[in-house]
C-alpha atoms as a PDB file:
ATOM      1  CA  UNK A   1     -16.489 -85.575 126.371  1.00  0.00           C
ATOM      2  CA  UNK A   2     -20.036 -86.773 126.368  1.00  0.00           C
ATOM      3  CA  UNK A   3     -18.929 -89.295 129.100  1.00  0.00           C
ATOM      4  CA  UNK A   4     -17.396 -87.010 131.063  1.00  0.00           C
ATOM      5  CA  UNK A   5     -20.384 -84.912 131.063  1.00  0.00           C
ATOM      6  CA  UNK A   6     -22.776 -87.824 132.097  1.00  0.00           C
ATOM      7  CA  UNK A   7     -20.108 -89.000 134.785  1.00  0.00           C
ATOM      8  CA  UNK A   8     -20.294 -85.692 136.405  1.00  0.00           C
ATOM      9  CA  UNK A   9     -23.970 -85.435 136.192  1.00  0.00           C
ATOM     10  CA  UNK A  10     -24.397 -89.344 137.813  1.00  0.00           C
ATOM     11  CA  UNK A  11     -22.250 -87.944 140.775  1.00  0.00           C
ATOM     12  CA  UNK A  12     -23.999 -84.489 141.818  1.00  0.00           C
ATOM     13  CA  UNK A  13     -27.694 -86.684 140.835  1.00  0.00           C
ATOM     14  CA  UNK A  14     -26.150 -89.311 143.753  1.00  0.00           C
ATOM     15  CA  UNK A  15     -25.233 -86.630 146.116  1.00  0.00           C
ATOM     16  CA  UNK A  16     -28.398 -84.109 145.760  1.00  0.00           C
ATOM     17  CA  UNK A  17     -30.752 -84.344 148.347  1.00  0.00           C
ATOM     18  CA  UNK A  18     -28.809 -86.552 150.496  1.00  0.00           C
ATOM     19  CA  UNK A  19     -28.585 -84.381 153.338  1.00  0.00           C
ATOM     20  CA  UNK A  20     -31.214 -83.678 155.817  1.00  0.00           C
ATOM     21  CA  UNK A  21     -30.617 -81.552 159.305  1.00  0.00           C
ATOM     22  CA  UNK A  22     -31.384 -83.793 161.975  1.00  0.00           C
ATOM     23  CA  UNK A  23     -31.675 -83.491 165.875  1.00  0.00           C
ATOM     24  CA  UNK A  24     -28.829 -85.020 167.635  1.00  0.00           C
ATOM     25  CA  UNK A  25     -29.676 -87.238 171.201  1.00  0.00           C
ATOM     26  CA  UNK A  26     -26.667 -88.300 172.958  1.00  0.00           C
ATOM     27  CA  UNK A  27     -27.610 -91.673 174.217  1.00  0.00           C
ATOM     28  CA  UNK A  28     -25.573 -92.819 177.266  1.00  0.00           C
ATOM     29  CA  UNK A  29     -22.526 -94.356 176.585  1.00  0.00           C
ATOM     30  CA  UNK A  30     -22.463 -98.155 177.970  1.00  0.00           C
ATOM     31  CA  UNK A  31     -19.310 -97.976 180.539  1.00  0.00           C
ATOM     32  CA  UNK A  32     -16.610-100.605 179.235  1.00  0.00           C
ATOM     33  CA  UNK A  33     -12.952-101.135 179.501  1.00  0.00           C
ATOM     34  CA  UNK A  34     -10.898-101.219 176.207  1.00  0.00           C
ATOM     35  CA  UNK A  35      -7.690-103.189 176.533  1.00  0.00           C
ATOM     36  CA  UNK A  36      -5.366-103.307 173.453  1.00  0.00           C
ATOM     37  CA  UNK A  37      -2.033-105.487 173.373  1.00  0.00           C
ATOM     38  CA  UNK A  38       0.194-107.559 170.647  1.00  0.00           C
ATOM     39  CA  UNK A  39       2.963-109.870 172.764  1.00  0.00           C
ATOM     40  CA  UNK A  40       5.780-111.915 171.441  1.00  0.00           C
ATOM     41  CA  UNK A  41       9.162-113.584 172.813  1.00  0.00           C
ATOM     42  CA  UNK A  42      11.280-110.463 172.028  1.00  0.00           C
ATOM     43  CA  UNK A  43       9.436-107.671 174.007  1.00  0.00           C
ATOM     44  CA  UNK A  44       8.196-107.243 177.479  1.00  0.00           C
ATOM     45  CA  UNK A  45       4.457-107.940 177.430  1.00  0.00           C
ATOM     46  CA  UNK A  46       3.039-104.587 177.314  1.00  0.00           C
ATOM     47  CA  UNK A  47      -0.879-103.382 176.719  1.00  0.00           C
ATOM     48  CA  UNK A  48      -2.458-100.475 176.670  1.00  0.00           C
ATOM     49  CA  UNK A  49      -5.657 -99.564 178.773  1.00  0.00           C
ATOM     50  CA  UNK A  50      -8.516 -96.861 178.094  1.00  0.00           C
ATOM     51  CA  UNK A  51     -12.526 -96.736 178.569  1.00  0.00           C
ATOM     52  CA  UNK A  52     -15.302 -96.066 176.359  1.00  0.00           C
ATOM     53  CA  UNK A  53     -16.720 -92.449 176.113  1.00  0.00           C
ATOM     54  CA  UNK A  54     -19.396 -90.081 174.459  1.00  0.00           C
ATOM     55  CA  UNK A  55     -18.491 -88.958 170.921  1.00  0.00           C
ATOM     56  CA  UNK A  56     -18.908 -85.366 172.266  1.00  0.00           C
ATOM     57  CA  UNK A  57     -17.311 -85.872 175.385  1.00  0.00           C
ATOM     58  CA  UNK A  58     -14.178 -83.703 176.855  1.00  0.00           C
ATOM     59  CA  UNK A  59     -12.904 -86.601 179.330  1.00  0.00           C
ATOM     60  CA  UNK A  60      -9.912 -88.428 178.197  1.00  0.00           C
ATOM     61  CA  UNK A  61     -10.342 -92.200 177.455  1.00  0.00           C
ATOM     62  CA  UNK A  62      -6.817 -92.982 179.000  1.00  0.00           C
ATOM     63  CA  UNK A  63      -6.969 -94.683 182.382  1.00  0.00           C
ATOM     64  CA  UNK A  64      -4.205 -94.436 184.678  1.00  0.00           C
ATOM     65  CA  UNK A  65      -5.342 -96.207 188.171  1.00  0.00           C
ATOM     66  CA  UNK A  66      -6.405 -99.454 186.587  1.00  0.00           C
ATOM     67  CA  UNK A  67      -5.024-102.750 188.216  1.00  0.00           C
ATOM     68  CA  UNK A  68      -4.042-105.057 185.356  1.00  0.00           C
ATOM     69  CA  UNK A  69      -2.841-108.581 186.201  1.00  0.00           C
ATOM     70  CA  UNK A  70      -1.166-110.951 184.087  1.00  0.00           C
ATOM     71  CA  UNK A  71      -1.322-114.465 184.340  1.00  0.00           C
ATOM     72  CA  UNK A  72       0.746-117.305 182.804  1.00  0.00           C
ATOM     73  CA  UNK A  73      -0.923-120.810 181.812  1.00  0.00           C
ATOM     74  CA  UNK A  74      -4.120-119.821 184.354  1.00  0.00           C
ATOM     75  CA  UNK A  75      -1.364-118.848 187.513  1.00  0.00           C
ATOM     76  CA  UNK A  76      -0.642-114.973 188.565  1.00  0.00           C
ATOM     77  CA  UNK A  77       2.748-114.232 187.892  1.00  0.00           C
ATOM     78  CA  UNK A  78       3.016-109.887 188.455  1.00  0.00           C
ATOM     79  CA  UNK A  79       0.290-106.688 188.068  1.00  0.00           C
ATOM     80  CA  UNK A  80       1.694-104.907 185.375  1.00  0.00           C
ATOM     81  CA  UNK A  81       3.109-100.858 186.285  1.00  0.00           C
ATOM     82  CA  UNK A  82       1.809 -98.216 184.762  1.00  0.00           C
ATOM     83  CA  UNK A  83       3.836 -95.792 182.240  1.00  0.00           C
ATOM     84  CA  UNK A  84       1.940 -93.339 180.605  1.00  0.00           C
ATOM     85  CA  UNK A  85      -0.814 -92.979 178.382  1.00  0.00           C
ATOM     86  CA  UNK A  86      -2.714 -95.747 179.460  1.00  0.00           C
ATOM     87  CA  UNK A  87       0.287 -98.212 178.811  1.00  0.00           C
ATOM     88  CA  UNK A  88       0.895-101.018 181.158  1.00  0.00           C
ATOM     89  CA  UNK A  89       4.265-102.628 181.318  1.00  0.00           C
ATOM     90  CA  UNK A  90       5.714-105.510 182.858  1.00  0.00           C
ATOM     91  CA  UNK A  91       9.216-104.963 184.594  1.00  0.00           C
ATOM     92  CA  UNK A  92      10.781-108.411 183.312  1.00  0.00           C
ATOM     93  CA  UNK A  93       8.608-111.035 181.552  1.00  0.00           C
ATOM     94  CA  UNK A  94       8.907-111.730 177.914  1.00  0.00           C
ATOM     95  CA  UNK A  95       5.866-114.252 177.027  1.00  0.00           C
ATOM     96  CA  UNK A  96       7.209-117.594 176.087  1.00  0.00           C
ATOM     97  CA  UNK A  97       6.605-120.231 173.548  1.00  0.00           C
ATOM     98  CA  UNK A  98       3.482-122.551 173.790  1.00  0.00           C
ATOM     99  CA  UNK A  99       2.461-120.779 177.322  1.00  0.00           C
ATOM    100  CA  UNK A 100      -1.189-118.705 177.787  1.00  0.00           C
ATOM    101  CA  UNK A 101      -0.996-115.529 178.796  1.00  0.00           C
ATOM    102  CA  UNK A 102      -4.007-114.191 180.205  1.00  0.00           C
ATOM    103  CA  UNK A 103      -4.456-110.259 181.159  1.00  0.00           C
ATOM    104  CA  UNK A 104      -7.325-108.768 183.660  1.00  0.00           C
ATOM    105  CA  UNK A 105      -8.558-105.730 184.038  1.00  0.00           C
ATOM    106  CA  UNK A 106     -10.391-103.913 187.265  1.00  0.00           C
ATOM    107  CA  UNK A 107     -11.370-100.840 187.576  1.00  0.00           C
ATOM    108  CA  UNK A 108     -14.078 -99.346 190.014  1.00  0.00           C
ATOM    109  CA  UNK A 109     -17.657 -98.990 188.724  1.00  0.00           C
ATOM    110  CA  UNK A 110     -16.428-100.743 185.416  1.00  0.00           C
ATOM    111  CA  UNK A 111     -16.749-104.480 184.653  1.00  0.00           C
ATOM    112  CA  UNK A 112     -13.917-106.422 185.273  1.00  0.00           C
ATOM    113  CA  UNK A 113     -12.230-107.533 181.417  1.00  0.00           C
ATOM    114  CA  UNK A 114      -9.932-110.525 180.069  1.00  0.00           C
ATOM    115  CA  UNK A 115      -8.279-111.836 177.548  1.00  0.00           C
ATOM    116  CA  UNK A 116      -6.123-114.746 176.732  1.00  0.00           C
ATOM    117  CA  UNK A 117      -3.837-115.663 173.926  1.00  0.00           C
ATOM    118  CA  UNK A 118      -0.752-118.640 173.157  1.00  0.00           C
ATOM    119  CA  UNK A 119       2.511-117.394 171.621  1.00  0.00           C
ATOM    120  CA  UNK A 120       3.041-119.556 168.598  1.00  0.00           C
ATOM    121  CA  UNK A 121       6.493-120.967 167.539  1.00  0.00           C
ATOM    122  CA  UNK A 122       8.456-119.256 164.994  1.00  0.00           C
ATOM    123  CA  UNK A 123       8.375-121.085 161.483  1.00  0.00           C
ATOM    124  CA  UNK A 124      12.282-120.792 160.100  1.00  0.00           C
ATOM    125  CA  UNK A 125      13.085-119.137 156.926  1.00  0.00           C
ATOM    126  CA  UNK A 126      15.521-121.525 154.568  1.00  0.00           C
ATOM    127  CA  UNK A 127      16.268-119.049 152.074  1.00  0.00           C
ATOM    128  CA  UNK A 128      15.397-115.906 150.295  1.00  0.00           C
ATOM    129  CA  UNK A 129      15.887-113.333 147.605  1.00  0.00           C
ATOM    130  CA  UNK A 130      14.702-110.429 145.938  1.00  0.00           C
ATOM    131  CA  UNK A 131      15.607-109.890 142.003  1.00  0.00           C
ATOM    132  CA  UNK A 132      15.033-106.241 140.292  1.00  0.00           C
ATOM    133  CA  UNK A 133      14.925-106.051 136.624  1.00  0.00           C
ATOM    134  CA  UNK A 134      14.125-109.518 135.601  1.00  0.00           C
ATOM    135  CA  UNK A 135      10.591-107.795 134.085  1.00  0.00           C
ATOM    136  CA  UNK A 136       9.393-104.160 133.742  1.00  0.00           C
ATOM    137  CA  UNK A 137       6.143-102.316 134.162  1.00  0.00           C
ATOM    138  CA  UNK A 138       4.347-100.422 131.177  1.00  0.00           C
ATOM    139  CA  UNK A 139       6.695 -97.027 132.332  1.00  0.00           C
ATOM    140  CA  UNK A 140      10.007 -98.735 132.187  1.00  0.00           C
ATOM    141  CA  UNK A 141      10.205 -99.103 136.214  1.00  0.00           C
ATOM    142  CA  UNK A 142      12.027-102.458 137.041  1.00  0.00           C
ATOM    143  CA  UNK A 143       9.658-105.176 138.684  1.00  0.00           C
ATOM    144  CA  UNK A 144      11.045-106.607 142.074  1.00  0.00           C
ATOM    145  CA  UNK A 145      10.480-110.117 142.426  1.00  0.00           C
ATOM    146  CA  UNK A 146      10.193-111.844 145.838  1.00  0.00           C
ATOM    147  CA  UNK A 147      11.574-115.498 146.496  1.00  0.00           C
ATOM    148  CA  UNK A 148      11.686-117.235 149.705  1.00  0.00           C
ATOM    149  CA  UNK A 149      11.053-120.700 151.277  1.00  0.00           C
ATOM    150  CA  UNK A 150       9.789-121.525 154.576  1.00  0.00           C
ATOM    151  CA  UNK A 151       9.262-124.579 156.364  1.00  0.00           C
ATOM    152  CA  UNK A 152       5.720-124.815 157.909  1.00  0.00           C
ATOM    153  CA  UNK A 153       5.218-127.152 160.718  1.00  0.00           C
ATOM    154  CA  UNK A 154       2.978-130.048 161.228  1.00  0.00           C
ATOM    155  CA  UNK A 155      -0.030-128.415 162.358  1.00  0.00           C
ATOM    156  CA  UNK A 156      -2.345-125.899 162.011  1.00  0.00           C
ATOM    157  CA  UNK A 157      -0.824-122.069 161.157  1.00  0.00           C
ATOM    158  CA  UNK A 158      -0.961-118.477 160.072  1.00  0.00           C
ATOM    159  CA  UNK A 159       0.856-116.330 159.120  1.00  0.00           C
ATOM    160  CA  UNK A 160       1.224-112.296 158.723  1.00  0.00           C
ATOM    161  CA  UNK A 161       4.187-111.446 155.864  1.00  0.00           C
ATOM    162  CA  UNK A 162       6.159-108.280 154.949  1.00  0.00           C
ATOM    163  CA  UNK A 163       8.900-107.306 153.112  1.00  0.00           C
ATOM    164  CA  UNK A 164      10.841-103.775 154.048  1.00  0.00           C
ATOM    165  CA  UNK A 165      14.001-102.171 153.361  1.00  0.00           C
ATOM    166  CA  UNK A 166      15.127-100.772 156.499  1.00  0.00           C
ATOM    167  CA  UNK A 167      17.783 -97.852 156.981  1.00  0.00           C
ATOM    168  CA  UNK A 168      19.744 -97.245 160.385  1.00  0.00           C
ATOM    169  CA  UNK A 169      19.826 -94.012 161.781  1.00  0.00           C
ATOM    170  CA  UNK A 170      22.066 -90.746 160.513  1.00  0.00           C
ATOM    171  CA  UNK A 171      24.513 -89.167 162.645  1.00  0.00           C
ATOM    172  CA  UNK A 172      22.262 -86.501 163.993  1.00  0.00           C
ATOM    173  CA  UNK A 173      19.273 -88.739 163.748  1.00  0.00           C
ATOM    174  CA  UNK A 174      17.676 -91.669 166.480  1.00  0.00           C
ATOM    175  CA  UNK A 175      14.821 -92.305 163.721  1.00  0.00           C
ATOM    176  CA  UNK A 176      15.057 -95.469 161.642  1.00  0.00           C
ATOM    177  CA  UNK A 177      13.629 -95.407 158.354  1.00  0.00           C
ATOM    178  CA  UNK A 178      11.719 -97.997 157.221  1.00  0.00           C
ATOM    179  CA  UNK A 179       9.927 -98.592 153.940  1.00  0.00           C
ATOM    180  CA  UNK A 180       7.205-101.337 153.240  1.00  0.00           C
ATOM    181  CA  UNK A 181       6.930-102.954 149.622  1.00  0.00           C
ATOM    182  CA  UNK A 182       4.030-102.083 148.108  1.00  0.00           C
ATOM    183  CA  UNK A 183       2.197-102.377 144.693  1.00  0.00           C
ATOM    184  CA  UNK A 184       1.861-106.480 144.083  1.00  0.00           C
ATOM    185  CA  UNK A 185       1.575-107.021 140.567  1.00  0.00           C
ATOM    186  CA  UNK A 186       1.732-110.574 140.237  1.00  0.00           C
ATOM    187  CA  UNK A 187       0.840-112.695 143.853  1.00  0.00           C
ATOM    188  CA  UNK A 188       1.492-116.462 144.998  1.00  0.00           C
ATOM    189  CA  UNK A 189      -1.971-118.193 144.560  1.00  0.00           C
ATOM    190  CA  UNK A 190      -1.870-118.688 148.414  1.00  0.00           C
ATOM    191  CA  UNK A 191      -1.285-115.024 149.223  1.00  0.00           C
ATOM    192  CA  UNK A 192      -4.795-114.797 146.452  1.00  0.00           C
ATOM    193  CA  UNK A 193      -6.901-117.174 149.073  1.00  0.00           C
ATOM    194  CA  UNK A 194      -6.158-115.040 152.168  1.00  0.00           C
ATOM    195  CA  UNK A 195      -4.911-111.779 151.775  1.00  0.00           C
ATOM    196  CA  UNK A 196      -7.405-109.327 151.090  1.00  0.00           C
ATOM    197  CA  UNK A 197      -5.171-108.414 148.267  1.00  0.00           C
ATOM    198  CA  UNK A 198      -8.405-106.296 146.921  1.00  0.00           C
ATOM    199  CA  UNK A 199      -7.902-103.664 149.885  1.00  0.00           C
ATOM    200  CA  UNK A 200      -3.988-103.358 149.003  1.00  0.00           C
ATOM    201  CA  UNK A 201      -2.409-104.124 151.900  1.00  0.00           C
ATOM    202  CA  UNK A 202       1.204-103.561 152.697  1.00  0.00           C
ATOM    203  CA  UNK A 203       1.077-106.451 155.086  1.00  0.00           C
ATOM    204  CA  UNK A 204      -0.123-110.013 154.073  1.00  0.00           C
ATOM    205  CA  UNK A 205      -2.122-112.633 156.157  1.00  0.00           C
ATOM    206  CA  UNK A 206      -2.714-116.099 155.260  1.00  0.00           C
ATOM    207  CA  UNK A 207      -2.785-119.601 156.440  1.00  0.00           C
ATOM    208  CA  UNK A 208      -1.233-122.940 155.738  1.00  0.00           C
ATOM    209  CA  UNK A 209      -4.449-124.676 154.308  1.00  0.00           C
ATOM    210  CA  UNK A 210      -2.094-125.469 150.910  1.00  0.00           C
ATOM    211  CA  UNK A 211       1.243-126.855 152.471  1.00  0.00           C
ATOM    212  CA  UNK A 212       0.606-127.971 155.869  1.00  0.00           C
ATOM    213  CA  UNK A 213       3.702-129.574 157.160  1.00  0.00           C
ATOM    214  CA  UNK A 214       5.807-129.213 153.765  1.00  0.00           C
ATOM    215  CA  UNK A 215       8.269-126.288 152.755  1.00  0.00           C
ATOM    216  CA  UNK A 216       6.782-123.842 150.804  1.00  0.00           C
ATOM    217  CA  UNK A 217       8.479-121.329 148.047  1.00  0.00           C
ATOM    218  CA  UNK A 218       6.294-118.475 148.074  1.00  0.00           C
ATOM    219  CA  UNK A 219       6.975-115.984 144.403  1.00  0.00           C
ATOM    220  CA  UNK A 220       5.786-112.745 144.508  1.00  0.00           C
ATOM    221  CA  UNK A 221       5.885-109.771 141.952  1.00  0.00           C
ATOM    222  CA  UNK A 222       5.587-105.705 143.148  1.00  0.00           C
ATOM    223  CA  UNK A 223       5.973-102.627 141.016  1.00  0.00           C
ATOM    224  CA  UNK A 224       8.713-100.330 142.179  1.00  0.00           C
ATOM    225  CA  UNK A 225       6.762 -98.696 145.023  1.00  0.00           C
ATOM    226  CA  UNK A 226       7.140 -98.296 148.899  1.00  0.00           C
ATOM    227  CA  UNK A 227       5.389 -96.450 151.434  1.00  0.00           C
ATOM    228  CA  UNK A 228       6.623 -95.988 155.009  1.00  0.00           C
ATOM    229  CA  UNK A 229       8.641 -93.533 157.407  1.00  0.00           C
ATOM    230  CA  UNK A 230      10.644 -92.858 160.725  1.00  0.00           C
ATOM    231  CA  UNK A 231      10.626 -95.060 163.056  1.00  0.00           C
ATOM    232  CA  UNK A 232      11.268 -95.575 166.974  1.00  0.00           C
ATOM    233  CA  UNK A 233      13.099 -98.921 166.665  1.00  0.00           C
ATOM    234  CA  UNK A 234      14.237-100.960 163.849  1.00  0.00           C
ATOM    235  CA  UNK A 235      11.884-103.800 162.966  1.00  0.00           C
ATOM    236  CA  UNK A 236      14.688-106.327 162.112  1.00  0.00           C
ATOM    237  CA  UNK A 237      17.587-106.289 164.222  1.00  0.00           C
ATOM    238  CA  UNK A 238      20.617-106.500 162.711  1.00  0.00           C
ATOM    239  CA  UNK A 239      21.827-104.385 160.316  1.00  0.00           C
ATOM    240  CA  UNK A 240      20.461-101.920 157.310  1.00  0.00           C
ATOM    241  CA  UNK A 241      19.146-103.511 154.383  1.00  0.00           C
ATOM    242  CA  UNK A 242      15.916-105.644 152.913  1.00  0.00           C
ATOM    243  CA  UNK A 243      14.157-108.077 154.768  1.00  0.00           C
ATOM    244  CA  UNK A 244      11.684-110.628 154.823  1.00  0.00           C
ATOM    245  CA  UNK A 245       9.529-110.383 158.021  1.00  0.00           C
ATOM    246  CA  UNK A 246       7.031-113.764 158.681  1.00  0.00           C
ATOM    247  CA  UNK A 247       5.018-113.850 161.690  1.00  0.00           C
ATOM    248  CA  UNK A 248       3.479-116.649 162.700  1.00  0.00           C
ATOM    249  CA  UNK A 249       0.094-115.581 164.401  1.00  0.00           C
ATOM    250  CA  UNK A 250      -2.288-117.044 166.940  1.00  0.00           C
ATOM    251  CA  UNK A 251      -5.682-117.193 165.110  1.00  0.00           C
ATOM    252  CA  UNK A 252      -6.901-114.857 167.329  1.00  0.00           C
ATOM    253  CA  UNK A 253      -4.213-112.079 165.632  1.00  0.00           C
ATOM    254  CA  UNK A 254      -5.541-113.434 162.306  1.00  0.00           C
ATOM    255  CA  UNK A 255      -8.988-112.820 162.719  1.00  0.00           C
ATOM    256  CA  UNK A 256      -8.075-108.950 163.885  1.00  0.00           C
ATOM    257  CA  UNK A 257      -5.713-108.408 161.112  1.00  0.00           C
ATOM    258  CA  UNK A 258      -8.367-109.670 158.133  1.00  0.00           C
ATOM    259  CA  UNK A 259     -10.697-107.140 160.241  1.00  0.00           C
ATOM    260  CA  UNK A 260      -8.872-104.423 160.261  1.00  0.00           C
ATOM    261  CA  UNK A 261      -7.677-104.842 157.119  1.00  0.00           C
ATOM    262  CA  UNK A 262     -11.419-104.784 155.260  1.00  0.00           C
ATOM    263  CA  UNK A 263     -12.128-101.503 158.735  1.00  0.00           C
ATOM    264  CA  UNK A 264      -8.874 -99.437 157.671  1.00  0.00           C
ATOM    265  CA  UNK A 265      -9.454 -99.945 153.853  1.00  0.00           C
ATOM    266  CA  UNK A 266     -12.984 -98.767 153.915  1.00  0.00           C
ATOM    267  CA  UNK A 267     -13.167 -95.637 156.482  1.00  0.00           C
ATOM    268  CA  UNK A 268     -14.016 -92.377 155.816  1.00  0.00           C
ATOM    269  CA  UNK A 269     -11.274 -90.289 156.635  1.00  0.00           C
ATOM    270  CA  UNK A 270      -9.041 -87.981 154.825  1.00  0.00           C
ATOM    271  CA  UNK A 271      -9.946 -86.472 151.220  1.00  0.00           C
ATOM    272  CA  UNK A 272     -13.458 -88.337 151.344  1.00  0.00           C
ATOM    273  CA  UNK A 273     -14.782 -85.812 154.507  1.00  0.00           C
ATOM    274  CA  UNK A 274     -13.397 -82.610 152.808  1.00  0.00           C
ATOM    275  CA  UNK A 275     -14.450 -83.867 149.690  1.00  0.00           C
ATOM    276  CA  UNK A 276     -18.207 -85.186 149.937  1.00  0.00           C
ATOM    277  CA  UNK A 277     -18.885 -85.909 146.396  1.00  0.00           C
ATOM    278  CA  UNK A 278     -16.228 -88.994 146.748  1.00  0.00           C
ATOM    279  CA  UNK A 279     -18.643 -90.737 149.196  1.00  0.00           C
ATOM    280  CA  UNK A 280     -20.125 -92.531 147.131  1.00  0.00           C
ATOM    281  CA  UNK A 281     -17.104 -94.683 146.836  1.00  0.00           C
ATOM    282  CA  UNK A 282     -16.880 -95.650 150.465  1.00  0.00           C
ATOM    283  CA  UNK A 283     -17.506 -99.447 151.668  1.00  0.00           C
ATOM    284  CA  UNK A 284     -19.511-100.705 154.000  1.00  0.00           C
ATOM    285  CA  UNK A 285     -17.983 -99.992 157.655  1.00  0.00           C
ATOM    286  CA  UNK A 286     -16.784-103.445 159.139  1.00  0.00           C
ATOM    287  CA  UNK A 287     -16.941-104.414 162.824  1.00  0.00           C
ATOM    288  CA  UNK A 288     -13.835-104.991 164.384  1.00  0.00           C
ATOM    289  CA  UNK A 289     -13.201-108.420 165.921  1.00  0.00           C
ATOM    290  CA  UNK A 290     -12.198-108.902 169.775  1.00  0.00           C
ATOM    291  CA  UNK A 291     -11.398-111.316 171.986  1.00  0.00           C
ATOM    292  CA  UNK A 292     -11.802-109.147 175.533  1.00  0.00           C
ATOM    293  CA  UNK A 293     -14.633-110.267 177.889  1.00  0.00           C
ATOM    294  CA  UNK A 294     -16.807-107.356 178.953  1.00  0.00           C
ATOM    295  CA  UNK A 295     -14.854-104.989 176.989  1.00  0.00           C
ATOM    296  CA  UNK A 296     -13.227-103.818 173.728  1.00  0.00           C
ATOM    297  CA  UNK A 297     -10.244-104.526 171.955  1.00  0.00           C
ATOM    298  CA  UNK A 298      -7.512-106.723 171.127  1.00  0.00           C
ATOM    299  CA  UNK A 299      -4.842-108.910 173.030  1.00  0.00           C
ATOM    300  CA  UNK A 300      -3.024-111.025 170.603  1.00  0.00           C
ATOM    301  CA  UNK A 301       0.150-112.922 170.210  1.00  0.00           C
ATOM    302  CA  UNK A 302       2.625-113.387 167.418  1.00  0.00           C
ATOM    303  CA  UNK A 303       6.114-114.915 166.706  1.00  0.00           C
ATOM    304  CA  UNK A 304       8.742-113.994 163.729  1.00  0.00           C
ATOM    305  CA  UNK A 305      11.254-114.790 161.865  1.00  0.00           C
ATOM    306  CA  UNK A 306      13.927-111.995 159.802  1.00  0.00           C
ATOM    307  CA  UNK A 307      15.498-112.982 157.431  1.00  0.00           C
ATOM    308  CA  UNK A 308      18.304-111.045 155.097  1.00  0.00           C
ATOM    309  CA  UNK A 309      17.677-110.896 151.472  1.00  0.00           C
ATOM    310  CA  UNK A 310      20.197-111.701 148.790  1.00  0.00           C
ATOM    311  CA  UNK A 311      19.673-108.571 146.483  1.00  0.00           C
ATOM    312  CA  UNK A 312      20.395-109.583 142.704  1.00  0.00           C
ATOM    313  CA  UNK A 313      20.047-106.720 140.459  1.00  0.00           C
ATOM    314  CA  UNK A 314      19.667-107.112 136.644  1.00  0.00           C
ATOM    315  CA  UNK A 315      21.011-104.562 133.829  1.00  0.00           C
ATOM    316  CA  UNK A 316      18.368-103.217 131.405  1.00  0.00           C
ATOM    317  CA  UNK A 317      19.688-104.431 127.681  1.00  0.00           C
END
């Protein structure tokens, strides 16, 4: 009881006399364009273009009339077509492996912006299993053990990894139910080195610095926990089941994800805003990584491999 009273008093003291009313002086916002887009070989190239606006502005940030030019290996290919809500899309171009793609965005009275990235090769997955019931947690729920082998190329490679359960739409529904495996209990040593595990992510980033050019078998143990929901498109294109998805990413993508995971973890949102007592537990804001010249945002590339896992259920004794 004494510890509870002490904790409450501590929180009150930390939050008392910490507010001060100030006059807000809105500064002029530097006029910049914001470009966001991820490209991979299985999708037509598309990006989103917006502009900076003031925090109190009622204007829309959506840019509908920009000229968005696409280049491959420094050679002009086409201007992307405006679709809606700031989205611009190619009518026919699927990005190719080892090619450098550049997007240039021009809009009157704004600095022209550029961003480039290269599509990496796919990384083959050799085999993989999901075993349920080898061990149990303190509540009697079974752990899920994921094991899979993949062949790393003899070059510097970067990865993003996630495990999903996918269900196709029901008869009268057009949406896919996709769940990410979360609750990492025992992490593979490679993930411990790169994956920002203290932020409880649902995708895991890592490099091949410990197994460059080799076949690597990764092992991870999870609690019986998932997060997810409805999606308009399937993640894995074959059928409903359990999958490991391994994205081979560019360095740009890898750096962006590392910053984004930390940024998302430290955001002041939800209950933190509604219940200020919890604000003392918020982390330091993190600047986002960007490869856009003269503007903001990200333009990054990846390639991905899907592998349907063999599911093994061990009966409880």
